[in-house]
């Protein structure tokens, strides 16, 4: 149990920050899942229908840049570690643009 006024305040601040950080991490995970499902959909469409990949390239690029932007903002706010962010971005890049690896 906190004894001083400042330690009680720190407990409240830490609780608030933990809730905000978890919310932002959840947002990043949702964006990643949406991006991966878009990749899966585009691959299925290309294999089944035989459409060109260029139809989905613009969508994939926009989605990828959106996810990367969210990850970079999380690093800037010190919600996730920079090495974690680099790993996430690298894995997403490899899945999004397999021919460029």
PDB file of N, CA and C in Angstrom:
ATOM      1  N   UNK A   1       0.846  -1.182   0.000  1.00  0.00           N
ATOM      2  CA  UNK A   1       0.000   0.000   0.000  1.00  0.00           C
ATOM      3  C   UNK A   1       0.884   1.236   0.000  1.00  0.00           C
ATOM      4  N   UNK A   2       0.505   2.197  -0.809  1.00  0.00           N
ATOM      5  CA  UNK A   2       1.276   3.438  -0.915  1.00  0.00           C
ATOM      6  C   UNK A   2       1.100   4.271   0.349  1.00  0.00           C
ATOM      7  N   UNK A   3       2.207   4.846   0.780  1.00  0.00           N
ATOM      8  CA  UNK A   3       2.179   5.645   1.996  1.00  0.00           C
ATOM      9  C   UNK A   3       2.175   7.138   1.726  1.00  0.00           C
ATOM     10  N   UNK A   4       2.946   7.566   0.746  1.00  0.00           N
ATOM     11  CA  UNK A   4       3.064   8.997   0.493  1.00  0.00           C
ATOM     12  C   UNK A   4       2.096   9.435  -0.592  1.00  0.00           C
ATOM     13  N   UNK A   5       1.896  10.737  -0.623  1.00  0.00           N
ATOM     14  CA  UNK A   5       0.991  11.308  -1.601  1.00  0.00           C
ATOM     15  C   UNK A   5       1.521  11.087  -3.020  1.00  0.00           C
ATOM     16  N   UNK A   6       2.813  11.232  -3.196  1.00  0.00           N
ATOM     17  CA  UNK A   6       3.399  11.077  -4.531  1.00  0.00           C
ATOM     18  C   UNK A   6       3.316   9.626  -5.020  1.00  0.00           C
ATOM     19  N   UNK A   7       3.487   8.672  -4.109  1.00  0.00           N
ATOM     20  CA  UNK A   7       3.399   7.275  -4.531  1.00  0.00           C
ATOM     21  C   UNK A   7       1.961   6.898  -4.897  1.00  0.00           C
ATOM     22  N   UNK A   8       0.984   7.481  -4.217  1.00  0.00           N
ATOM     23  CA  UNK A   8      -0.412   7.247  -4.571  1.00  0.00           C
ATOM     24  C   UNK A   8      -0.717   7.824  -5.950  1.00  0.00           C
ATOM     25  N   UNK A   9      -0.152   9.004  -6.213  1.00  0.00           N
ATOM     26  CA  UNK A   9      -0.342   9.633  -7.514  1.00  0.00           C
ATOM     27  C   UNK A   9       0.305   8.792  -8.613  1.00  0.00           C
ATOM     28  N   UNK A  10       1.493   8.261  -8.350  1.00  0.00           N
ATOM     29  CA  UNK A  10       2.191   7.439  -9.341  1.00  0.00           C
ATOM     30  C   UNK A  10       1.392   6.173  -9.659  1.00  0.00           C
ATOM     31  N   UNK A  11       0.743   5.604  -8.666  1.00  0.00           N
ATOM     32  CA  UNK A  11      -0.085   4.414  -8.896  1.00  0.00           C
ATOM     33  C   UNK A  11      -1.223   4.742  -9.859  1.00  0.00           C
ATOM     34  N   UNK A  12      -1.865   5.895  -9.652  1.00  0.00           N
ATOM     35  CA  UNK A  12      -2.953   6.302 -10.538  1.00  0.00           C
ATOM     36  C   UNK A  12      -2.447   6.571 -11.955  1.00  0.00           C
ATOM     37  N   UNK A  13      -1.305   7.234 -12.057  1.00  0.00           N
ATOM     38  CA  UNK A  13      -0.742   7.555 -13.373  1.00  0.00           C
ATOM     39  C   UNK A  13      -0.332   6.280 -14.091  1.00  0.00           C
ATOM     40  N   UNK A  14       0.298   5.355 -13.377  1.00  0.00           N
ATOM     41  CA  UNK A  14       0.718   4.101 -13.987  1.00  0.00           C
ATOM     42  C   UNK A  14      -0.481   3.294 -14.490  1.00  0.00           C
ATOM     43  N   UNK A  15      -1.554   3.301 -13.725  1.00  0.00           N
ATOM     44  CA  UNK A  15      -2.766   2.584 -14.145  1.00  0.00           C
ATOM     45  C   UNK A  15      -3.327   3.201 -15.414  1.00  0.00           C
ATOM     46  N   UNK A  16      -3.395   4.524 -15.454  1.00  0.00           N
ATOM     47  CA  UNK A  16      -3.903   5.220 -16.641  1.00  0.00           C
ATOM     48  C   UNK A  16      -3.033   4.918 -17.867  1.00  0.00           C
ATOM     49  N   UNK A  17      -1.723   4.999 -17.694  1.00  0.00           N
ATOM     50  CA  UNK A  17      -0.808   4.753 -18.812  1.00  0.00           C
ATOM     51  C   UNK A  17      -0.879   3.307 -19.284  1.00  0.00           C
ATOM     52  N   UNK A  18      -1.015   2.364 -18.355  1.00  0.00           N
ATOM     53  CA  UNK A  18      -1.109   0.948 -18.715  1.00  0.00           C
ATOM     54  C   UNK A  18      -2.344   0.697 -19.577  1.00  0.00           C
ATOM     55  N   UNK A  19      -3.460   1.304 -19.207  1.00  0.00           N
ATOM     56  CA  UNK A  19      -4.694   1.148 -19.982  1.00  0.00           C
ATOM     57  C   UNK A  19      -4.532   1.733 -21.377  1.00  0.00           C
ATOM     58  N   UNK A  20      -3.938   2.924 -21.474  1.00  0.00           N
ATOM     59  CA  UNK A  20      -3.728   3.556 -22.778  1.00  0.00           C
ATOM     60  C   UNK A  20      -2.771   2.738 -23.634  1.00  0.00           C
ATOM     61  N   UNK A  21      -1.696   2.250 -23.032  1.00  0.00           N
ATOM     62  CA  UNK A  21      -0.710   1.474 -23.781  1.00  0.00           C
ATOM     63  C   UNK A  21      -1.314   0.170 -24.301  1.00  0.00           C
ATOM     64  N   UNK A  22      -2.081  -0.511 -23.458  1.00  0.00           N
ATOM     65  CA  UNK A  22      -2.717  -1.757 -23.893  1.00  0.00           C
ATOM     66  C   UNK A  22      -3.707  -1.503 -25.018  1.00  0.00           C
ATOM     67  N   UNK A  23      -4.409  -0.392 -24.941  1.00  0.00           N
ATOM     68  CA  UNK A  23      -5.352  -0.041 -25.993  1.00  0.00           C
ATOM     69  C   UNK A  23      -4.619   0.193 -27.309  1.00  0.00           C
ATOM     70  N   UNK A  24      -3.506   0.895 -27.264  1.00  0.00           N
ATOM     71  CA  UNK A  24      -2.749   1.189 -28.478  1.00  0.00           C
ATOM     72  C   UNK A  24      -2.124  -0.081 -29.051  1.00  0.00           C
ATOM     73  N   UNK A  25      -1.629  -0.965 -28.175  1.00  0.00           N
ATOM     74  CA  UNK A  25      -1.068  -2.237 -28.642  1.00  0.00           C
ATOM     75  C   UNK A  25      -2.152  -3.069 -29.330  1.00  0.00           C
ATOM     76  N   UNK A  26      -3.347  -3.047 -28.780  1.00  0.00           N
ATOM     77  CA  UNK A  26      -4.463  -3.777 -29.373  1.00  0.00           C
ATOM     78  C   UNK A  26      -4.800  -3.209 -30.749  1.00  0.00           C
ATOM     79  N   UNK A  27      -4.748  -1.890 -30.885  1.00  0.00           N
ATOM     80  CA  UNK A  27      -5.003  -1.249 -32.166  1.00  0.00           C
ATOM     81  C   UNK A  27      -3.982  -1.696 -33.206  1.00  0.00           C
ATOM     82  N   UNK A  28      -2.719  -1.766 -32.806  1.00  0.00           N
ATOM     83  CA  UNK A  28      -1.665  -2.207 -33.725  1.00  0.00           C
ATOM     84  C   UNK A  28      -1.905  -3.652 -34.149  1.00  0.00           C
ATOM     85  N   UNK A  29      -2.249  -4.509 -33.207  1.00  0.00           N
ATOM     86  CA  UNK A  29      -2.515  -5.909 -33.534  1.00  0.00           C
ATOM     87  C   UNK A  29      -3.687  -6.036 -34.504  1.00  0.00           C
ATOM     88  N   UNK A  30      -4.717  -5.231 -34.304  1.00  0.00           N
ATOM     89  CA  UNK A  30      -5.875  -5.270 -35.201  1.00  0.00           C
ATOM     90  C   UNK A  30      -5.477  -4.850 -36.613  1.00  0.00           C
ATOM     91  N   UNK A  31      -4.667  -3.798 -36.719  1.00  0.00           N
ATOM     92  CA  UNK A  31      -4.222  -3.343 -38.034  1.00  0.00           C
ATOM     93  C   UNK A  31      -3.369  -4.410 -38.712  1.00  0.00           C
ATOM     94  N   UNK A  32      -2.503  -5.075 -37.932  1.00  0.00           N
ATOM     95  CA  UNK A  32      -1.675  -6.146 -38.490  1.00  0.00           C
ATOM     96  C   UNK A  32      -2.551  -7.285 -39.017  1.00  0.00           C
ATOM     97  N   UNK A  33      -3.548  -7.688 -38.234  1.00  0.00           N
ATOM     98  CA  UNK A  33      -4.428  -8.779 -38.651  1.00  0.00           C
ATOM     99  C   UNK A  33      -5.202  -8.403 -39.917  1.00  0.00           C
ATOM    100  N   UNK A  34      -5.680  -7.163 -39.981  1.00  0.00           N
ATOM    101  CA  UNK A  34      -6.403  -6.716 -41.169  1.00  0.00           C
ATOM    102  C   UNK A  34      -5.491  -6.735 -42.389  1.00  0.00           C
ATOM    103  N   UNK A  35      -4.257  -6.310 -42.206  1.00  0.00           N
ATOM    104  CA  UNK A  35      -3.301  -6.300 -43.312  1.00  0.00           C
ATOM    105  C   UNK A  35      -2.999  -7.727 -43.773  1.00  0.00           C
ATOM    106  N   UNK A  36      -2.800  -8.635 -42.827  1.00  0.00           N
ATOM    107  CA  UNK A  36      -2.516 -10.024 -43.198  1.00  0.00           C
ATOM    108  C   UNK A  36      -3.705 -10.673 -43.900  1.00  0.00           C
ATOM    109  N   UNK A  37      -4.903 -10.330 -43.475  1.00  0.00           N
ATOM    110  CA  UNK A  37      -6.081 -10.882 -44.158  1.00  0.00           C
ATOM    111  C   UNK A  37      -6.202 -10.312 -45.573  1.00  0.00           C
ATOM    112  N   UNK A  38      -5.808  -9.064 -45.757  1.00  0.00           N
ATOM    113  CA  UNK A  38      -5.805  -8.472 -47.091  1.00  0.00           C
ATOM    114  C   UNK A  38      -4.794  -9.183 -47.993  1.00  0.00           C
ATOM    115  N   UNK A  39      -3.634  -9.512 -47.440  1.00  0.00           N
ATOM    116  CA  UNK A  39      -2.626 -10.258 -48.191  1.00  0.00           C
ATOM    117  C   UNK A  39      -3.181 -11.617 -48.605  1.00  0.00           C
ATOM    118  N   UNK A  40      -3.812 -12.291 -47.656  1.00  0.00           N
ATOM    119  CA  UNK A  40      -4.375 -13.613 -47.938  1.00  0.00           C
ATOM    120  C   UNK A  40      -5.446 -13.529 -49.022  1.00  0.00           C
ATOM    121  N   UNK A  41      -6.316 -12.541 -48.927  1.00  0.00           N
ATOM    122  CA  UNK A  41      -7.379 -12.359 -49.914  1.00  0.00           C
ATOM    123  C   UNK A  41      -6.807 -12.087 -51.297  1.00  0.00           C
ATOM    124  N   UNK A  42      -5.799 -11.227 -51.351  1.00  0.00           N
ATOM    125  CA  UNK A  42      -5.216 -10.904 -52.653  1.00  0.00           C
ATOM    126  C   UNK A  42      -4.541 -12.122 -53.264  1.00  0.00           C
ATOM    127  N   UNK A  43      -3.873 -12.924 -52.445  1.00  0.00           N
ATOM    128  CA  UNK A  43      -3.236 -14.141 -52.958  1.00  0.00           C
ATOM    129  C   UNK A  43      -4.264 -15.144 -53.465  1.00  0.00           C
ATOM    130  N   UNK A  44      -5.381 -15.276 -52.746  1.00  0.00           N
ATOM    131  CA  UNK A  44      -6.437 -16.191 -53.171  1.00  0.00           C
ATOM    132  C   UNK A  44      -7.070 -15.732 -54.484  1.00  0.00           C
ATOM    133  N   UNK A  45      -7.299 -14.429 -54.616  1.00  0.00           N
ATOM    134  CA  UNK A  45      -7.900 -13.896 -55.834  1.00  0.00           C
ATOM    135  C   UNK A  45      -6.984 -14.107 -57.033  1.00  0.00           C
ATOM    136  N   UNK A  46      -5.705 -13.884 -56.831  1.00  0.00           N
ATOM    137  CA  UNK A  46      -4.751 -14.040 -57.923  1.00  0.00           C
ATOM    138  C   UNK A  46      -4.663 -15.494 -58.344  1.00  0.00           C
ATOM    139  N   UNK A  47      -4.651 -16.410 -57.376  1.00  0.00           N
ATOM    140  CA  UNK A  47      -4.508 -17.829 -57.726  1.00  0.00           C
ATOM    141  C   UNK A  47      -5.783 -18.418 -58.322  1.00  0.00           C
ATOM    142  N   UNK A  48      -6.943 -18.001 -57.828  1.00  0.00           N
ATOM    143  CA  UNK A  48      -8.183 -18.607 -58.303  1.00  0.00           C
ATOM    144  C   UNK A  48      -8.693 -17.966 -59.593  1.00  0.00           C
ATOM    145  N   UNK A  49      -8.706 -16.674 -59.641  1.00  0.00           N
ATOM    146  CA  UNK A  49      -9.272 -15.981 -60.795  1.00  0.00           C
ATOM    147  C   UNK A  49      -8.201 -15.695 -61.844  1.00  0.00           C
ATOM    148  N   UNK A  50      -6.980 -15.525 -61.411  1.00  0.00           N
ATOM    149  CA  UNK A  50      -5.904 -15.227 -62.338  1.00  0.00           C
ATOM    150  C   UNK A  50      -5.769 -13.750 -62.631  1.00  0.00           C
ATOM    151  N   UNK A  51      -6.360 -12.912 -61.774  1.00  0.00           N
ATOM    152  CA  UNK A  51      -6.233 -11.469 -61.958  1.00  0.00           C
ATOM    153  C   UNK A  51      -4.794 -11.055 -61.699  1.00  0.00           C
ATOM    154  N   UNK A  52      -4.482  -9.896 -62.193  1.00  0.00           N
ATOM    155  CA  UNK A  52      -3.130  -9.394 -61.978  1.00  0.00           C
ATOM    156  C   UNK A  52      -2.964  -8.939 -60.542  1.00  0.00           C
ATOM    157  N   UNK A  53      -1.758  -9.077 -60.076  1.00  0.00           N
ATOM    158  CA  UNK A  53      -1.429  -8.657 -58.708  1.00  0.00           C
ATOM    159  C   UNK A  53      -1.475  -7.135 -58.581  1.00  0.00           C
ATOM    160  N   UNK A  54      -1.333  -6.426 -59.707  1.00  0.00           N
ATOM    161  CA  UNK A  54      -1.279  -4.967 -59.663  1.00  0.00           C
ATOM    162  C   UNK A  54      -2.573  -4.358 -59.126  1.00  0.00           C
ATOM    163  N   UNK A  55      -3.688  -5.088 -59.244  1.00  0.00           N
ATOM    164  CA  UNK A  55      -4.946  -4.580 -58.722  1.00  0.00           C
ATOM    165  C   UNK A  55      -4.876  -4.406 -57.204  1.00  0.00           C
ATOM    166  N   UNK A  56      -4.164  -5.288 -56.569  1.00  0.00           N
ATOM    167  CA  UNK A  56      -4.085  -5.254 -55.105  1.00  0.00           C
ATOM    168  C   UNK A  56      -2.841  -4.536 -54.597  1.00  0.00           C
ATOM    169  N   UNK A  57      -1.930  -4.202 -55.488  1.00  0.00           N
ATOM    170  CA  UNK A  57      -0.669  -3.607 -55.052  1.00  0.00           C
ATOM    171  C   UNK A  57      -0.894  -2.280 -54.341  1.00  0.00           C
ATOM    172  N   UNK A  58      -1.757  -1.450 -54.895  1.00  0.00           N
ATOM    173  CA  UNK A  58      -2.014  -0.149 -54.272  1.00  0.00           C
ATOM    174  C   UNK A  58      -2.649  -0.320 -52.894  1.00  0.00           C
ATOM    175  N   UNK A  59      -3.599  -1.263 -52.797  1.00  0.00           N
ATOM    176  CA  UNK A  59      -4.226  -1.526 -51.498  1.00  0.00           C
ATOM    177  C   UNK A  59      -3.210  -2.042 -50.483  1.00  0.00           C
ATOM    178  N   UNK A  60      -2.356  -2.963 -50.925  1.00  0.00           N
ATOM    179  CA  UNK A  60      -1.350  -3.528 -50.025  1.00  0.00           C
ATOM    180  C   UNK A  60      -0.364  -2.469 -49.560  1.00  0.00           C
ATOM    181  N   UNK A  61       0.051  -1.608 -50.475  1.00  0.00           N
ATOM    182  CA  UNK A  61       0.996  -0.548 -50.099  1.00  0.00           C
ATOM    183  C   UNK A  61       0.375   0.403 -49.086  1.00  0.00           C
ATOM    184  N   UNK A  62      -0.870   0.794 -49.317  1.00  0.00           N
ATOM    185  CA  UNK A  62      -1.554   1.712 -48.404  1.00  0.00           C
ATOM    186  C   UNK A  62      -1.732   1.073 -47.027  1.00  0.00           C
ATOM    187  N   UNK A  63      -2.142  -0.184 -47.027  1.00  0.00           N
ATOM    188  CA  UNK A  63      -2.337  -0.889 -45.764  1.00  0.00           C
ATOM    189  C   UNK A  63      -1.009  -1.058 -45.026  1.00  0.00           C
ATOM    190  N   UNK A  64       0.032  -1.407 -45.778  1.00  0.00           N
ATOM    191  CA  UNK A  64       1.354  -1.594 -45.184  1.00  0.00           C
ATOM    192  C   UNK A  64       1.855  -0.288 -44.575  1.00  0.00           C
ATOM    193  N   UNK A  65       1.716   0.809 -45.292  1.00  0.00           N
ATOM    194  CA  UNK A  65       2.203   2.089 -44.765  1.00  0.00           C
ATOM    195  C   UNK A  65       1.413   2.523 -43.533  1.00  0.00           C
ATOM    196  N   UNK A  66       0.127   2.186 -43.510  1.00  0.00           N
ATOM    197  CA  UNK A  66      -0.698   2.511 -42.348  1.00  0.00           C
ATOM    198  C   UNK A  66      -0.234   1.741 -41.108  1.00  0.00           C
ATOM    199  N   UNK A  67       0.032   0.454 -41.272  1.00  0.00           N
ATOM    200  CA  UNK A  67       0.488  -0.373 -40.147  1.00  0.00           C
ATOM    201  C   UNK A  67       1.855   0.099 -39.671  1.00  0.00           C
ATOM    202  N   UNK A  68       2.748   0.377 -40.609  1.00  0.00           N
ATOM    203  CA  UNK A  68       4.090   0.834 -40.242  1.00  0.00           C
ATOM    204  C   UNK A  68       4.021   2.170 -39.509  1.00  0.00           C
ATOM    205  N   UNK A  69       3.127   3.036 -39.953  1.00  0.00           N
ATOM    206  CA  UNK A  69       2.947   4.322 -39.290  1.00  0.00           C
ATOM    207  C   UNK A  69       2.494   4.141 -37.846  1.00  0.00           C
ATOM    208  N   UNK A  70       1.543   3.234 -37.627  1.00  0.00           N
ATOM    209  CA  UNK A  70       1.063   2.960 -36.269  1.00  0.00           C
ATOM    210  C   UNK A  70       2.190   2.413 -35.388  1.00  0.00           C
ATOM    211  N   UNK A  71       2.994   1.531 -35.956  1.00  0.00           N
ATOM    212  CA  UNK A  71       4.103   0.944 -35.198  1.00  0.00           C
ATOM    213  C   UNK A  71       5.129   2.021 -34.840  1.00  0.00           C
ATOM    214  N   UNK A  72       5.441   2.896 -35.806  1.00  0.00           N
ATOM    215  CA  UNK A  72       6.413   3.961 -35.548  1.00  0.00           C
ATOM    216  C   UNK A  72       5.915   4.936 -34.485  1.00  0.00           C
ATOM    217  N   UNK A  73       4.627   5.217 -34.499  1.00  0.00           N
ATOM    218  CA  UNK A  73       4.058   6.092 -33.472  1.00  0.00           C
ATOM    219  C   UNK A  73       4.152   5.450 -32.093  1.00  0.00           C
ATOM    220  N   UNK A  74       3.968   4.136 -32.041  1.00  0.00           N
ATOM    221  CA  UNK A  74       4.068   3.429 -30.766  1.00  0.00           C
ATOM    222  C   UNK A  74       5.498   3.495 -30.223  1.00  0.00           C
ATOM    223  N   UNK A  75       6.471   3.410 -31.109  1.00  0.00           N
ATOM    224  CA  UNK A  75       7.870   3.518 -30.680  1.00  0.00           C
ATOM    225  C   UNK A  75       8.147   4.925 -30.176  1.00  0.00           C
ATOM    226  N   UNK A  76       7.622   5.903 -30.889  1.00  0.00           N
ATOM    227  CA  UNK A  76       7.834   7.302 -30.502  1.00  0.00           C
ATOM    228  C   UNK A  76       7.247   7.591 -29.117  1.00  0.00           C
ATOM    229  N   UNK A  77       6.109   6.959 -28.821  1.00  0.00           N
ATOM    230  CA  UNK A  77       5.463   7.143 -27.520  1.00  0.00           C
ATOM    231  C   UNK A  77       6.008   6.197 -26.459  1.00  0.00           C
ATOM    232  N   UNK A  78       6.996   5.373 -26.849  1.00  0.00           N
ATOM    233  CA  UNK A  78       7.641   4.400 -25.959  1.00  0.00           C
ATOM    234  C   UNK A  78       6.658   3.353 -25.441  1.00  0.00           C
ATOM    235  N   UNK A  79       5.739   2.949 -26.313  1.00  0.00           N
ATOM    236  CA  UNK A  79       4.792   1.898 -25.966  1.00  0.00           C
ATOM    237  C   UNK A  79       5.396   0.537 -26.260  1.00  0.00           C
ATOM    238  N   UNK A  80       6.110   0.444 -27.395  1.00  0.00           N
ATOM    239  CA  UNK A  80       6.836  -0.781 -27.714  1.00  0.00           C
ATOM    240  C   UNK A  80       8.300  -0.434 -27.955  1.00  0.00           C
ATOM    241  N   UNK A  81       9.158  -1.414 -27.788  1.00  0.00           N
ATOM    242  CA  UNK A  81      10.596  -1.221 -27.950  1.00  0.00           C
ATOM    243  C   UNK A  81      10.940  -1.104 -29.432  1.00  0.00           C
ATOM    244  N   UNK A  82      11.980  -0.362 -29.742  1.00  0.00           N
ATOM    245  CA  UNK A  82      12.318  -0.128 -31.147  1.00  0.00           C
ATOM    246  C   UNK A  82      12.709  -1.412 -31.871  1.00  0.00           C
ATOM    247  N   UNK A  83      13.361  -2.348 -31.173  1.00  0.00           N
ATOM    248  CA  UNK A  83      13.732  -3.606 -31.819  1.00  0.00           C
ATOM    249  C   UNK A  83      12.502  -4.455 -32.124  1.00  0.00           C
ATOM    250  N   UNK A  84      11.516  -4.401 -31.261  1.00  0.00           N
ATOM    251  CA  UNK A  84      10.255  -5.095 -31.510  1.00  0.00           C
ATOM    252  C   UNK A  84       9.583  -4.509 -32.751  1.00  0.00           C
ATOM    253  N   UNK A  85       9.620  -3.192 -32.862  1.00  0.00           N
ATOM    254  CA  UNK A  85       9.014  -2.527 -34.008  1.00  0.00           C
ATOM    255  C   UNK A  85       9.726  -2.915 -35.296  1.00  0.00           C
ATOM    256  N   UNK A  86      11.049  -2.955 -35.255  1.00  0.00           N
ATOM    257  CA  UNK A  86      11.811  -3.334 -36.443  1.00  0.00           C
ATOM    258  C   UNK A  86      11.472  -4.755 -36.859  1.00  0.00           C
ATOM    259  N   UNK A  87      11.371  -5.665 -35.895  1.00  0.00           N
ATOM    260  CA  UNK A  87      11.027  -7.051 -36.188  1.00  0.00           C
ATOM    261  C   UNK A  87       9.637  -7.148 -36.813  1.00  0.00           C
ATOM    262  N   UNK A  88       8.673  -6.427 -36.249  1.00  0.00           N
ATOM    263  CA  UNK A  88       7.311  -6.462 -36.787  1.00  0.00           C
ATOM    264  C   UNK A  88       7.271  -5.926 -38.219  1.00  0.00           C
ATOM    265  N   UNK A  89       7.947  -4.807 -38.453  1.00  0.00           N
ATOM    266  CA  UNK A  89       7.938  -4.203 -39.779  1.00  0.00           C
ATOM    267  C   UNK A  89       8.629  -5.103 -40.797  1.00  0.00           C
ATOM    268  N   UNK A  90       9.726  -5.722 -40.404  1.00  0.00           N
ATOM    269  CA  UNK A  90      10.446  -6.614 -41.312  1.00  0.00           C
ATOM    270  C   UNK A  90       9.586  -7.804 -41.699  1.00  0.00           C
ATOM    271  N   UNK A  91       8.942  -8.413 -40.721  1.00  0.00           N
ATOM    272  CA  UNK A  91       8.086  -9.569 -41.012  1.00  0.00           C
ATOM    273  C   UNK A  91       6.915  -9.187 -41.909  1.00  0.00           C
ATOM    274  N   UNK A  92       6.316  -8.030 -41.649  1.00  0.00           N
ATOM    275  CA  UNK A  92       5.218  -7.573 -42.493  1.00  0.00           C
ATOM    276  C   UNK A  92       5.693  -7.300 -43.917  1.00  0.00           C
ATOM    277  N   UNK A  93       6.869  -6.707 -44.040  1.00  0.00           N
ATOM    278  CA  UNK A  93       7.407  -6.419 -45.366  1.00  0.00           C
ATOM    279  C   UNK A  93       7.644  -7.694 -46.156  1.00  0.00           C
ATOM    280  N   UNK A  94       8.191  -8.701 -45.480  1.00  0.00           N
ATOM    281  CA  UNK A  94       8.464  -9.978 -46.150  1.00  0.00           C
ATOM    282  C   UNK A  94       7.176 -10.637 -46.619  1.00  0.00           C
ATOM    283  N   UNK A  95       6.111 -10.519 -45.834  1.00  0.00           N
ATOM    284  CA  UNK A  95       4.841 -11.129 -46.207  1.00  0.00           C
ATOM    285  C   UNK A  95       4.118 -10.320 -47.271  1.00  0.00           C
ATOM    286  N   UNK A  96       4.277  -8.993 -47.237  1.00  0.00           N
ATOM    287  CA  UNK A  96       3.575  -8.138 -48.174  1.00  0.00           C
ATOM    288  C   UNK A  96       4.226  -8.172 -49.558  1.00  0.00           C
ATOM    289  N   UNK A  97       5.545  -8.100 -49.591  1.00  0.00           N
ATOM    290  CA  UNK A  97       6.272  -8.027 -50.856  1.00  0.00           C
ATOM    291  C   UNK A  97       7.284  -9.167 -50.939  1.00  0.00           C
ATOM    292  N   UNK A  98       6.816 -10.395 -51.150  1.00  0.00           N
ATOM    293  CA  UNK A  98       7.743 -11.546 -51.139  1.00  0.00           C
ATOM    294  C   UNK A  98       8.730 -11.532 -52.289  1.00  0.00           C
ATOM    295  N   UNK A  99       8.403 -10.878 -53.392  1.00  0.00           N
ATOM    296  CA  UNK A  99       9.315 -10.883 -54.540  1.00  0.00           C
ATOM    297  C   UNK A  99      10.491  -9.919 -54.341  1.00  0.00           C
ATOM    298  N   UNK A 100      10.366  -8.976 -53.424  1.00  0.00           N
ATOM    299  CA  UNK A 100      11.434  -7.997 -53.209  1.00  0.00           C
ATOM    300  C   UNK A 100      12.468  -8.465 -52.208  1.00  0.00           C
ATOM    301  N   UNK A 101      12.272  -9.613 -51.584  1.00  0.00           N
ATOM    302  CA  UNK A 101      13.212 -10.087 -50.567  1.00  0.00           C
ATOM    303  C   UNK A 101      14.480 -10.614 -51.199  1.00  0.00           C
TER     304      UNK A 101
END
